């Protein structure tokens, strides 16, 4: 969706806050210059301050989900619209029930506007567009705030995702496997990547389980240690994710995977980070690790899982300052 449409929606909310057209019962609205079935769409804020998009509908029956974080219902309205054109009749009421997700709701509004263009059944097209967002809103509604250390971890992982997206033309979202709790953070067709993000002063990285340092399907496995530091000239986690979404295919799948690790592209946290150093190393025979085969036969049958820390200074003998882009490009040449 164009920047002009985004400015239009943002400006409409601003006008509603300043006054807007009153619907009654404390609601305020603003018509959008977009028509469906000959009537204008409208944005509205209800008496509780929650945001709504009203899409004109006809007699067709549409599924509703009035209690979801991104709710859909069918309602009749009758009030004076901006510019003298009334908002009257049956509407699909698309409703963001969580104030903290209003930024994401604006993206839904933009998608709906795009979906109803040239549609013979605008309300049905709007409902289908919203359905694609509903699962994401359900995930985001359950998110708690990330800790500072968690933000460092996800920033490092997202920065590697950005490198992969920028350097592999045929990128597929399902290559990003970390959010699915798989052993490695990235499983490309010809190489695996495991990312460890550390802050300033961190002395170790933690290995979770035997499989994290084992190859998958015989592919080369590279460990990527990224030092992530806070810096005013850096990017927020949300800004980094937004950059990725703007260039990657499969944006909706990336959004859902990001939500699984507590990240969304309208997160209001303003902490800014940058990657100050990247170490890369291929896990081979000489790489320091604990393999299940290192255990005695008795221990192998008794130990089902293991976590351990590796000293970063000691790791440097098996790693080097390097580029994720070089790794993934060479794997796909």
C-alpha atoms as a PDB file:
ATOM      1  CA  UNK A   1       0.000   0.000   0.000  1.00  0.00           C
ATOM      2  CA  UNK A   2       1.301   3.427  -0.916  1.00  0.00           C
ATOM      3  CA  UNK A   3       2.607   5.989   1.530  1.00  0.00           C
ATOM      4  CA  UNK A   4      -0.201   8.319   0.418  1.00  0.00           C
ATOM      5  CA  UNK A   5      -2.823   5.862   1.693  1.00  0.00           C
ATOM      6  CA  UNK A   6      -0.956   5.472   4.995  1.00  0.00           C
ATOM      7  CA  UNK A   7      -0.888   9.256   5.416  1.00  0.00           C
ATOM      8  CA  UNK A   8      -4.587   9.387   4.614  1.00  0.00           C
ATOM      9  CA  UNK A   9      -5.425   6.905   7.372  1.00  0.00           C
ATOM     10  CA  UNK A  10      -3.094   8.544   9.881  1.00  0.00           C
ATOM     11  CA  UNK A  11      -4.563  11.951   9.091  1.00  0.00           C
ATOM     12  CA  UNK A  12      -8.096  10.629   9.521  1.00  0.00           C
ATOM     13  CA  UNK A  13      -7.358   9.379  13.051  1.00  0.00           C
ATOM     14  CA  UNK A  14      -5.836  12.780  13.855  1.00  0.00           C
ATOM     15  CA  UNK A  15      -9.000  14.540  12.701  1.00  0.00           C
ATOM     16  CA  UNK A  16     -11.144  12.183  14.763  1.00  0.00           C
ATOM     17  CA  UNK A  17      -9.115  12.988  17.867  1.00  0.00           C
ATOM     18  CA  UNK A  18      -9.559  16.693  17.187  1.00  0.00           C
ATOM     19  CA  UNK A  19     -13.313  16.381  16.687  1.00  0.00           C
ATOM     20  CA  UNK A  20     -14.601  14.333  13.806  1.00  0.00           C
ATOM     21  CA  UNK A  21     -18.272  13.606  13.197  1.00  0.00           C
ATOM     22  CA  UNK A  22     -20.195  12.402  16.216  1.00  0.00           C
ATOM     23  CA  UNK A  23     -22.114   9.133  15.786  1.00  0.00           C
ATOM     24  CA  UNK A  24     -23.892   9.265  19.129  1.00  0.00           C
ATOM     25  CA  UNK A  25     -23.077   7.493  22.409  1.00  0.00           C
ATOM     26  CA  UNK A  26     -19.684   9.180  22.387  1.00  0.00           C
ATOM     27  CA  UNK A  27     -18.475   7.786  19.052  1.00  0.00           C
ATOM     28  CA  UNK A  28     -16.621   9.987  16.539  1.00  0.00           C
ATOM     29  CA  UNK A  29     -15.926   9.223  12.883  1.00  0.00           C
ATOM     30  CA  UNK A  30     -14.261  10.372   9.687  1.00  0.00           C
ATOM     31  CA  UNK A  31     -15.224   9.310   6.182  1.00  0.00           C
ATOM     32  CA  UNK A  32     -12.486   7.998   3.906  1.00  0.00           C
ATOM     33  CA  UNK A  33     -12.483   8.929   0.183  1.00  0.00           C
ATOM     34  CA  UNK A  34     -12.939   5.254  -0.695  1.00  0.00           C
ATOM     35  CA  UNK A  35     -16.267   3.856  -1.877  1.00  0.00           C
ATOM     36  CA  UNK A  36     -17.870   0.441  -1.581  1.00  0.00           C
ATOM     37  CA  UNK A  37     -21.360  -0.138  -3.011  1.00  0.00           C
ATOM     38  CA  UNK A  38     -21.576   3.594  -3.694  1.00  0.00           C
ATOM     39  CA  UNK A  39     -21.012   4.546  -0.044  1.00  0.00           C
ATOM     40  CA  UNK A  40     -17.930   5.812   1.737  1.00  0.00           C
ATOM     41  CA  UNK A  41     -15.822   3.801   4.154  1.00  0.00           C
ATOM     42  CA  UNK A  42     -15.431   5.393   7.575  1.00  0.00           C
ATOM     43  CA  UNK A  43     -12.997   5.245  10.461  1.00  0.00           C
ATOM     44  CA  UNK A  44     -14.473   5.605  13.945  1.00  0.00           C
ATOM     45  CA  UNK A  45     -13.407   5.766  17.572  1.00  0.00           C
ATOM     46  CA  UNK A  46     -15.967   4.494  20.075  1.00  0.00           C
ATOM     47  CA  UNK A  47     -16.763   5.723  23.586  1.00  0.00           C
ATOM     48  CA  UNK A  48     -13.953   3.527  24.980  1.00  0.00           C
ATOM     49  CA  UNK A  49     -11.386   4.956  22.562  1.00  0.00           C
ATOM     50  CA  UNK A  50     -11.191   1.750  20.479  1.00  0.00           C
ATOM     51  CA  UNK A  51     -10.677   1.952  16.720  1.00  0.00           C
ATOM     52  CA  UNK A  52     -13.136   0.770  14.041  1.00  0.00           C
ATOM     53  CA  UNK A  53     -13.247   0.556  10.257  1.00  0.00           C
ATOM     54  CA  UNK A  54     -16.763   0.607   8.803  1.00  0.00           C
ATOM     55  CA  UNK A  55     -17.171  -1.016   5.381  1.00  0.00           C
ATOM     56  CA  UNK A  56     -20.558  -0.690   3.604  1.00  0.00           C
ATOM     57  CA  UNK A  57     -22.193  -4.041   2.922  1.00  0.00           C
ATOM     58  CA  UNK A  58     -25.202  -5.374   1.085  1.00  0.00           C
ATOM     59  CA  UNK A  59     -27.620  -8.177   1.967  1.00  0.00           C
ATOM     60  CA  UNK A  60     -24.987 -10.932   1.855  1.00  0.00           C
ATOM     61  CA  UNK A  61     -24.304 -13.004   4.956  1.00  0.00           C
ATOM     62  CA  UNK A  62     -20.760 -12.754   6.297  1.00  0.00           C
ATOM     63  CA  UNK A  63     -19.004 -14.573   9.168  1.00  0.00           C
ATOM     64  CA  UNK A  64     -18.487 -12.519  12.330  1.00  0.00           C
ATOM     65  CA  UNK A  65     -16.061 -12.809  15.254  1.00  0.00           C
ATOM     66  CA  UNK A  66     -17.171 -10.087  17.693  1.00  0.00           C
ATOM     67  CA  UNK A  67     -14.999 -11.207  20.625  1.00  0.00           C
ATOM     68  CA  UNK A  68     -11.621 -11.620  18.880  1.00  0.00           C
ATOM     69  CA  UNK A  69      -8.812  -9.078  19.421  1.00  0.00           C
ATOM     70  CA  UNK A  70      -9.454  -8.162  15.781  1.00  0.00           C
ATOM     71  CA  UNK A  71     -13.237  -8.343  15.852  1.00  0.00           C
ATOM     72  CA  UNK A  72     -15.722  -8.376  12.979  1.00  0.00           C
ATOM     73  CA  UNK A  73     -19.447  -7.760  13.318  1.00  0.00           C
ATOM     74  CA  UNK A  74     -22.328  -6.526  11.183  1.00  0.00           C
ATOM     75  CA  UNK A  75     -24.085  -3.378  12.423  1.00  0.00           C
ATOM     76  CA  UNK A  76     -26.537  -0.777  11.207  1.00  0.00           C
ATOM     77  CA  UNK A  77     -25.538   2.887  11.502  1.00  0.00           C
ATOM     78  CA  UNK A  78     -27.199   6.187  10.771  1.00  0.00           C
ATOM     79  CA  UNK A  79     -25.258   9.404  11.314  1.00  0.00           C
ATOM     80  CA  UNK A  80     -23.990  12.459   9.460  1.00  0.00           C
ATOM     81  CA  UNK A  81     -20.736  11.889   7.657  1.00  0.00           C
ATOM     82  CA  UNK A  82     -18.018  14.418   6.894  1.00  0.00           C
ATOM     83  CA  UNK A  83     -18.764  16.656   3.947  1.00  0.00           C
ATOM     84  CA  UNK A  84     -22.478  16.196   4.326  1.00  0.00           C
ATOM     85  CA  UNK A  85     -22.599  12.603   3.063  1.00  0.00           C
ATOM     86  CA  UNK A  86     -24.380  10.376   5.580  1.00  0.00           C
ATOM     87  CA  UNK A  87     -23.099   7.071   6.894  1.00  0.00           C
ATOM     88  CA  UNK A  88     -26.245   5.028   6.823  1.00  0.00           C
ATOM     89  CA  UNK A  89     -27.216   1.395   6.471  1.00  0.00           C
ATOM     90  CA  UNK A  90     -25.530  -1.936   7.083  1.00  0.00           C
ATOM     91  CA  UNK A  91     -21.766  -2.024   7.635  1.00  0.00           C
ATOM     92  CA  UNK A  92     -19.069  -4.569   8.321  1.00  0.00           C
ATOM     93  CA  UNK A  93     -17.585  -3.245  11.562  1.00  0.00           C
ATOM     94  CA  UNK A  94     -13.892  -4.198  11.805  1.00  0.00           C
ATOM     95  CA  UNK A  95     -12.807  -3.443  15.342  1.00  0.00           C
ATOM     96  CA  UNK A  96      -9.416  -3.374  17.097  1.00  0.00           C
ATOM     97  CA  UNK A  97     -10.187  -4.263  20.716  1.00  0.00           C
ATOM     98  CA  UNK A  98      -6.653  -3.747  22.080  1.00  0.00           C
ATOM     99  CA  UNK A  99      -5.290  -0.185  22.090  1.00  0.00           C
ATOM    100  CA  UNK A 100      -1.683  -1.373  21.988  1.00  0.00           C
ATOM    101  CA  UNK A 101      -2.351  -2.909  18.569  1.00  0.00           C
ATOM    102  CA  UNK A 102      -3.747   0.230  16.934  1.00  0.00           C
ATOM    103  CA  UNK A 103      -0.578   0.536  14.846  1.00  0.00           C
ATOM    104  CA  UNK A 104      -1.115  -2.971  13.486  1.00  0.00           C
ATOM    105  CA  UNK A 105      -4.790  -2.137  12.929  1.00  0.00           C
ATOM    106  CA  UNK A 106      -3.759   0.689  10.579  1.00  0.00           C
ATOM    107  CA  UNK A 107      -2.017  -1.949   8.444  1.00  0.00           C
ATOM    108  CA  UNK A 108      -5.257  -3.946   8.418  1.00  0.00           C
ATOM    109  CA  UNK A 109      -7.137  -0.832   7.268  1.00  0.00           C
ATOM    110  CA  UNK A 110      -4.667  -0.348   4.418  1.00  0.00           C
ATOM    111  CA  UNK A 111      -4.986  -3.987   3.390  1.00  0.00           C
ATOM    112  CA  UNK A 112      -8.776  -3.727   3.392  1.00  0.00           C
ATOM    113  CA  UNK A 113      -8.676  -0.602   1.224  1.00  0.00           C
ATOM    114  CA  UNK A 114      -6.455  -2.458  -1.246  1.00  0.00           C
ATOM    115  CA  UNK A 115      -8.620  -5.594  -1.136  1.00  0.00           C
ATOM    116  CA  UNK A 116     -11.881  -3.844  -1.985  1.00  0.00           C
ATOM    117  CA  UNK A 117     -10.531  -2.045  -5.036  1.00  0.00           C
ATOM    118  CA  UNK A 118     -12.535  -3.193  -8.057  1.00  0.00           C
ATOM    119  CA  UNK A 119     -14.182  -5.906  -5.949  1.00  0.00           C
ATOM    120  CA  UNK A 120     -17.754  -6.855  -6.842  1.00  0.00           C
ATOM    121  CA  UNK A 121     -18.397  -7.684  -3.187  1.00  0.00           C
ATOM    122  CA  UNK A 122     -16.335  -5.213  -1.132  1.00  0.00           C
ATOM    123  CA  UNK A 123     -17.537  -6.367   2.298  1.00  0.00           C
ATOM    124  CA  UNK A 124     -16.686  -9.992   1.517  1.00  0.00           C
ATOM    125  CA  UNK A 125     -13.262  -8.921   0.238  1.00  0.00           C
ATOM    126  CA  UNK A 126     -12.754  -6.931   3.440  1.00  0.00           C
ATOM    127  CA  UNK A 127     -13.761  -9.906   5.592  1.00  0.00           C
ATOM    128  CA  UNK A 128     -11.313 -12.159   3.743  1.00  0.00           C
ATOM    129  CA  UNK A 129      -8.528  -9.628   4.197  1.00  0.00           C
ATOM    130  CA  UNK A 130      -9.204  -9.388   7.938  1.00  0.00           C
ATOM    131  CA  UNK A 131      -9.215 -13.183   8.286  1.00  0.00           C
ATOM    132  CA  UNK A 132      -5.584 -13.243   7.185  1.00  0.00           C
ATOM    133  CA  UNK A 133      -4.682 -10.923  10.084  1.00  0.00           C
ATOM    134  CA  UNK A 134      -6.782 -12.508  12.818  1.00  0.00           C
ATOM    135  CA  UNK A 135      -4.278 -15.197  13.846  1.00  0.00           C
ATOM    136  CA  UNK A 136      -1.510 -12.587  14.115  1.00  0.00           C
ATOM    137  CA  UNK A 137      -3.665 -10.374  16.379  1.00  0.00           C
ATOM    138  CA  UNK A 138      -4.463 -13.365  18.577  1.00  0.00           C
ATOM    139  CA  UNK A 139      -0.732 -13.996  19.041  1.00  0.00           C
ATOM    140  CA  UNK A 140       0.075 -10.331  19.637  1.00  0.00           C
ATOM    141  CA  UNK A 141      -2.710 -10.023  22.208  1.00  0.00           C
ATOM    142  CA  UNK A 142      -0.937 -12.595  24.397  1.00  0.00           C
ATOM    143  CA  UNK A 143       2.520 -11.028  24.182  1.00  0.00           C
ATOM    144  CA  UNK A 144       4.236  -9.690  27.262  1.00  0.00           C
ATOM    145  CA  UNK A 145       6.908  -7.010  27.112  1.00  0.00           C
ATOM    146  CA  UNK A 146      10.356  -8.271  26.170  1.00  0.00           C
ATOM    147  CA  UNK A 147      13.168  -7.879  28.671  1.00  0.00           C
ATOM    148  CA  UNK A 148      16.263  -5.940  27.679  1.00  0.00           C
ATOM    149  CA  UNK A 149      18.247  -9.154  27.166  1.00  0.00           C
ATOM    150  CA  UNK A 150      15.451 -10.633  25.057  1.00  0.00           C
ATOM    151  CA  UNK A 151      15.519  -7.530  22.856  1.00  0.00           C
ATOM    152  CA  UNK A 152      19.242  -8.014  22.313  1.00  0.00           C
ATOM    153  CA  UNK A 153      18.624 -11.643  21.364  1.00  0.00           C
ATOM    154  CA  UNK A 154      15.830 -10.919  18.891  1.00  0.00           C
ATOM    155  CA  UNK A 155      17.688  -7.961  17.366  1.00  0.00           C
ATOM    156  CA  UNK A 156      20.649 -10.225  16.616  1.00  0.00           C
ATOM    157  CA  UNK A 157      18.411 -12.896  15.114  1.00  0.00           C
ATOM    158  CA  UNK A 158      16.478 -10.376  13.016  1.00  0.00           C
ATOM    159  CA  UNK A 159      19.724  -8.834  11.771  1.00  0.00           C
ATOM    160  CA  UNK A 160      20.768 -12.258  10.460  1.00  0.00           C
ATOM    161  CA  UNK A 161      17.319 -12.674   8.888  1.00  0.00           C
ATOM    162  CA  UNK A 162      17.860  -9.358   7.115  1.00  0.00           C
ATOM    163  CA  UNK A 163      21.240 -10.555   5.805  1.00  0.00           C
ATOM    164  CA  UNK A 164      19.676 -13.756   4.498  1.00  0.00           C
ATOM    165  CA  UNK A 165      16.803 -11.897   2.814  1.00  0.00           C
ATOM    166  CA  UNK A 166      19.167  -9.408   1.178  1.00  0.00           C
ATOM    167  CA  UNK A 167      21.614 -12.028  -0.099  1.00  0.00           C
ATOM    168  CA  UNK A 168      19.398 -14.898  -1.294  1.00  0.00           C
ATOM    169  CA  UNK A 169      17.025 -13.904  -4.056  1.00  0.00           C
ATOM    170  CA  UNK A 170      14.816 -16.974  -3.627  1.00  0.00           C
ATOM    171  CA  UNK A 171      14.352 -16.467   0.142  1.00  0.00           C
ATOM    172  CA  UNK A 172      11.516 -18.444   1.725  1.00  0.00           C
ATOM    173  CA  UNK A 173      10.049 -17.494   5.154  1.00  0.00           C
ATOM    174  CA  UNK A 174      10.114 -21.113   6.336  1.00  0.00           C
ATOM    175  CA  UNK A 175      13.925 -20.987   6.281  1.00  0.00           C
ATOM    176  CA  UNK A 176      13.641 -18.928   9.481  1.00  0.00           C
ATOM    177  CA  UNK A 177      13.147 -21.840  11.857  1.00  0.00           C
ATOM    178  CA  UNK A 178      14.153 -20.345  15.216  1.00  0.00           C
ATOM    179  CA  UNK A 179      10.623 -19.156  16.099  1.00  0.00           C
ATOM    180  CA  UNK A 180       9.401 -22.739  15.654  1.00  0.00           C
ATOM    181  CA  UNK A 181      11.802 -23.985  18.360  1.00  0.00           C
ATOM    182  CA  UNK A 182      13.777 -26.065  15.892  1.00  0.00           C
ATOM    183  CA  UNK A 183      17.440 -26.847  16.728  1.00  0.00           C
ATOM    184  CA  UNK A 184      18.889 -24.140  14.435  1.00  0.00           C
ATOM    185  CA  UNK A 185      17.676 -20.595  13.819  1.00  0.00           C
ATOM    186  CA  UNK A 186      17.913 -20.882  10.024  1.00  0.00           C
ATOM    187  CA  UNK A 187      17.655 -23.903   7.749  1.00  0.00           C
ATOM    188  CA  UNK A 188      18.475 -22.904   4.197  1.00  0.00           C
ATOM    189  CA  UNK A 189      18.520 -25.586   1.503  1.00  0.00           C
ATOM    190  CA  UNK A 190      22.326 -25.850   1.574  1.00  0.00           C
ATOM    191  CA  UNK A 191      23.434 -24.463   4.945  1.00  0.00           C
ATOM    192  CA  UNK A 192      22.262 -24.158   8.580  1.00  0.00           C
ATOM    193  CA  UNK A 193      22.831 -21.113  10.792  1.00  0.00           C
ATOM    194  CA  UNK A 194      22.700 -20.930  14.577  1.00  0.00           C
ATOM    195  CA  UNK A 195      22.673 -17.365  15.956  1.00  0.00           C
ATOM    196  CA  UNK A 196      23.976 -16.302  19.359  1.00  0.00           C
ATOM    197  CA  UNK A 197      23.420 -12.656  20.302  1.00  0.00           C
ATOM    198  CA  UNK A 198      25.493 -11.148  23.101  1.00  0.00           C
ATOM    199  CA  UNK A 199      25.522  -7.733  24.717  1.00  0.00           C
ATOM    200  CA  UNK A 200      28.461  -5.667  25.864  1.00  0.00           C
ATOM    201  CA  UNK A 201      30.381  -7.458  28.565  1.00  0.00           C
ATOM    202  CA  UNK A 202      28.939 -10.893  27.799  1.00  0.00           C
ATOM    203  CA  UNK A 203      31.557 -13.584  28.303  1.00  0.00           C
ATOM    204  CA  UNK A 204      29.687 -16.716  27.232  1.00  0.00           C
ATOM    205  CA  UNK A 205      27.059 -18.076  24.864  1.00  0.00           C
ATOM    206  CA  UNK A 206      24.662 -20.827  25.892  1.00  0.00           C
ATOM    207  CA  UNK A 207      24.149 -23.985  23.842  1.00  0.00           C
ATOM    208  CA  UNK A 208      20.728 -25.565  24.239  1.00  0.00           C
ATOM    209  CA  UNK A 209      20.716 -29.314  23.731  1.00  0.00           C
ATOM    210  CA  UNK A 210      22.838 -31.700  21.711  1.00  0.00           C
ATOM    211  CA  UNK A 211      21.106 -30.990  18.390  1.00  0.00           C
ATOM    212  CA  UNK A 212      22.012 -27.289  18.313  1.00  0.00           C
ATOM    213  CA  UNK A 213      25.632 -28.173  17.503  1.00  0.00           C
ATOM    214  CA  UNK A 214      24.790 -31.070  15.162  1.00  0.00           C
ATOM    215  CA  UNK A 215      24.448 -30.848  11.388  1.00  0.00           C
ATOM    216  CA  UNK A 216      21.022 -31.158   9.809  1.00  0.00           C
ATOM    217  CA  UNK A 217      20.746 -33.485   6.800  1.00  0.00           C
ATOM    218  CA  UNK A 218      24.503 -33.325   6.318  1.00  0.00           C
ATOM    219  CA  UNK A 219      24.518 -29.584   5.525  1.00  0.00           C
ATOM    220  CA  UNK A 220      27.313 -27.298   6.767  1.00  0.00           C
ATOM    221  CA  UNK A 221      26.420 -25.695  10.108  1.00  0.00           C
ATOM    222  CA  UNK A 222      27.740 -22.233  10.946  1.00  0.00           C
ATOM    223  CA  UNK A 223      27.531 -20.570  14.353  1.00  0.00           C
ATOM    224  CA  UNK A 224      27.043 -16.785  14.170  1.00  0.00           C
ATOM    225  CA  UNK A 225      27.887 -14.772  17.296  1.00  0.00           C
ATOM    226  CA  UNK A 226      26.666 -11.193  17.056  1.00  0.00           C
ATOM    227  CA  UNK A 227      27.576  -8.506  19.553  1.00  0.00           C
ATOM    228  CA  UNK A 228      24.560  -6.205  19.859  1.00  0.00           C
ATOM    229  CA  UNK A 229      25.098  -2.851  21.545  1.00  0.00           C
ATOM    230  CA  UNK A 230      22.721  -0.032  22.423  1.00  0.00           C
ATOM    231  CA  UNK A 231      23.394   3.094  20.394  1.00  0.00           C
ATOM    232  CA  UNK A 232      21.207   6.192  19.693  1.00  0.00           C
ATOM    233  CA  UNK A 233      22.073   6.037  15.981  1.00  0.00           C
ATOM    234  CA  UNK A 234      20.900   2.419  15.720  1.00  0.00           C
ATOM    235  CA  UNK A 235      17.476   0.900  15.026  1.00  0.00           C
ATOM    236  CA  UNK A 236      14.658  -0.286  17.218  1.00  0.00           C
ATOM    237  CA  UNK A 237      13.559  -3.914  16.963  1.00  0.00           C
ATOM    238  CA  UNK A 238      10.340  -2.735  15.268  1.00  0.00           C
ATOM    239  CA  UNK A 239      12.244  -0.653  12.715  1.00  0.00           C
ATOM    240  CA  UNK A 240      14.493  -3.583  11.846  1.00  0.00           C
ATOM    241  CA  UNK A 241      11.497  -5.872  11.363  1.00  0.00           C
ATOM    242  CA  UNK A 242       9.768  -3.213   9.226  1.00  0.00           C
ATOM    243  CA  UNK A 243      12.817  -3.030   6.952  1.00  0.00           C
ATOM    244  CA  UNK A 244      12.746  -6.802   6.516  1.00  0.00           C
ATOM    245  CA  UNK A 245       9.022  -6.841   5.753  1.00  0.00           C
ATOM    246  CA  UNK A 246       9.491  -4.155   3.099  1.00  0.00           C
ATOM    247  CA  UNK A 247      11.906  -6.281   1.038  1.00  0.00           C
ATOM    248  CA  UNK A 248      11.014  -9.903   1.806  1.00  0.00           C
ATOM    249  CA  UNK A 249       8.433 -12.077   0.158  1.00  0.00           C
ATOM    250  CA  UNK A 250       5.935 -13.773   2.451  1.00  0.00           C
ATOM    251  CA  UNK A 251       5.515 -10.798   4.784  1.00  0.00           C
ATOM    252  CA  UNK A 252       2.489 -12.271   6.571  1.00  0.00           C
ATOM    253  CA  UNK A 253       4.400 -15.460   7.426  1.00  0.00           C
ATOM    254  CA  UNK A 254       7.384 -13.438   8.662  1.00  0.00           C
ATOM    255  CA  UNK A 255       5.044 -11.350  10.849  1.00  0.00           C
ATOM    256  CA  UNK A 256       3.619 -14.504  12.426  1.00  0.00           C
ATOM    257  CA  UNK A 257       7.054 -15.989  13.070  1.00  0.00           C
ATOM    258  CA  UNK A 258       8.237 -12.706  14.553  1.00  0.00           C
ATOM    259  CA  UNK A 259       5.186 -12.631  16.832  1.00  0.00           C
ATOM    260  CA  UNK A 260       6.167 -16.089  18.102  1.00  0.00           C
ATOM    261  CA  UNK A 261       9.347 -14.570  19.558  1.00  0.00           C
ATOM    262  CA  UNK A 262       7.545 -11.493  20.917  1.00  0.00           C
ATOM    263  CA  UNK A 263       8.255  -9.052  18.081  1.00  0.00           C
ATOM    264  CA  UNK A 264       5.949  -6.894  15.962  1.00  0.00           C
ATOM    265  CA  UNK A 265       6.636  -3.989  13.638  1.00  0.00           C
ATOM    266  CA  UNK A 266       4.635  -1.403  15.622  1.00  0.00           C
ATOM    267  CA  UNK A 267       6.235  -2.228  18.982  1.00  0.00           C
ATOM    268  CA  UNK A 268       6.487   1.151  20.774  1.00  0.00           C
ATOM    269  CA  UNK A 269       9.785   0.365  22.561  1.00  0.00           C
ATOM    270  CA  UNK A 270      12.339   3.034  21.558  1.00  0.00           C
ATOM    271  CA  UNK A 271      15.566   1.254  22.555  1.00  0.00           C
ATOM    272  CA  UNK A 272      18.008   1.399  19.634  1.00  0.00           C
ATOM    273  CA  UNK A 273      20.637  -1.210  18.854  1.00  0.00           C
ATOM    274  CA  UNK A 274      23.289  -1.999  16.292  1.00  0.00           C
ATOM    275  CA  UNK A 275      25.547  -4.961  15.573  1.00  0.00           C
ATOM    276  CA  UNK A 276      29.131  -4.025  16.428  1.00  0.00           C
ATOM    277  CA  UNK A 277      30.842  -7.338  15.621  1.00  0.00           C
ATOM    278  CA  UNK A 278      30.067 -10.647  13.929  1.00  0.00           C
ATOM    279  CA  UNK A 279      31.997 -13.858  14.514  1.00  0.00           C
ATOM    280  CA  UNK A 280      31.304 -16.875  12.319  1.00  0.00           C
ATOM    281  CA  UNK A 281      32.572 -20.422  12.544  1.00  0.00           C
ATOM    282  CA  UNK A 282      31.710 -23.715  10.918  1.00  0.00           C
ATOM    283  CA  UNK A 283      30.955 -26.533  13.322  1.00  0.00           C
ATOM    284  CA  UNK A 284      33.474 -29.220  12.384  1.00  0.00           C
ATOM    285  CA  UNK A 285      35.527 -31.824  14.205  1.00  0.00           C
ATOM    286  CA  UNK A 286      37.621 -29.228  16.015  1.00  0.00           C
ATOM    287  CA  UNK A 287      34.778 -26.948  17.100  1.00  0.00           C
ATOM    288  CA  UNK A 288      34.316 -26.873  20.899  1.00  0.00           C
ATOM    289  CA  UNK A 289      31.043 -28.581  21.780  1.00  0.00           C
ATOM    290  CA  UNK A 290      29.506 -31.479  23.657  1.00  0.00           C
ATOM    291  CA  UNK A 291      28.127 -34.202  21.431  1.00  0.00           C
ATOM    292  CA  UNK A 292      25.978 -37.054  22.667  1.00  0.00           C
ATOM    293  CA  UNK A 293      28.654 -39.420  21.388  1.00  0.00           C
ATOM    294  CA  UNK A 294      31.100 -37.847  23.867  1.00  0.00           C
ATOM    295  CA  UNK A 295      29.163 -39.394  26.741  1.00  0.00           C
ATOM    296  CA  UNK A 296      29.709 -42.854  28.124  1.00  0.00           C
ATOM    297  CA  UNK A 297      27.193 -45.499  26.971  1.00  0.00           C
ATOM    298  CA  UNK A 298      25.538 -45.309  30.394  1.00  0.00           C
ATOM    299  CA  UNK A 299      25.270 -41.506  30.202  1.00  0.00           C
ATOM    300  CA  UNK A 300      23.948 -41.616  26.634  1.00  0.00           C
ATOM    301  CA  UNK A 301      21.014 -43.708  27.758  1.00  0.00           C
ATOM    302  CA  UNK A 302      20.383 -41.588  30.865  1.00  0.00           C
ATOM    303  CA  UNK A 303      20.935 -37.992  29.620  1.00  0.00           C
ATOM    304  CA  UNK A 304      18.143 -36.749  27.357  1.00  0.00           C
ATOM    305  CA  UNK A 305      19.107 -33.069  27.201  1.00  0.00           C
ATOM    306  CA  UNK A 306      21.937 -30.727  28.151  1.00  0.00           C
ATOM    307  CA  UNK A 307      22.616 -26.978  28.277  1.00  0.00           C
ATOM    308  CA  UNK A 308      26.121 -25.560  28.592  1.00  0.00           C
ATOM    309  CA  UNK A 309      28.031 -22.287  28.208  1.00  0.00           C
ATOM    310  CA  UNK A 310      30.943 -21.691  25.851  1.00  0.00           C
ATOM    311  CA  UNK A 311      33.547 -19.022  26.617  1.00  0.00           C
ATOM    312  CA  UNK A 312      33.528 -16.451  23.795  1.00  0.00           C
ATOM    313  CA  UNK A 313      37.268 -15.740  24.080  1.00  0.00           C
ATOM    314  CA  UNK A 314      38.015 -19.437  23.765  1.00  0.00           C
ATOM    315  CA  UNK A 315      35.629 -19.700  20.805  1.00  0.00           C
ATOM    316  CA  UNK A 316      37.597 -17.111  18.848  1.00  0.00           C
ATOM    317  CA  UNK A 317      40.230 -19.719  18.000  1.00  0.00           C
ATOM    318  CA  UNK A 318      37.509 -21.613  16.086  1.00  0.00           C
ATOM    319  CA  UNK A 319      35.782 -18.538  14.623  1.00  0.00           C
ATOM    320  CA  UNK A 320      36.642 -15.384  12.716  1.00  0.00           C
ATOM    321  CA  UNK A 321      35.156 -11.973  12.028  1.00  0.00           C
ATOM    322  CA  UNK A 322      32.975 -12.645   9.026  1.00  0.00           C
ATOM    323  CA  UNK A 323      29.835 -12.012   7.006  1.00  0.00           C
ATOM    324  CA  UNK A 324      26.552 -13.891   7.015  1.00  0.00           C
ATOM    325  CA  UNK A 325      26.022 -12.652   3.468  1.00  0.00           C
ATOM    326  CA  UNK A 326      29.223 -14.357   2.312  1.00  0.00           C
ATOM    327  CA  UNK A 327      28.123 -17.654   3.893  1.00  0.00           C
ATOM    328  CA  UNK A 328      24.671 -17.774   2.341  1.00  0.00           C
ATOM    329  CA  UNK A 329      25.799 -16.512  -1.054  1.00  0.00           C
ATOM    330  CA  UNK A 330      28.532 -19.139  -1.304  1.00  0.00           C
ATOM    331  CA  UNK A 331      26.064 -21.844  -0.238  1.00  0.00           C
ATOM    332  CA  UNK A 332      23.743 -20.891  -3.117  1.00  0.00           C
ATOM    333  CA  UNK A 333      26.342 -20.299  -5.842  1.00  0.00           C
END
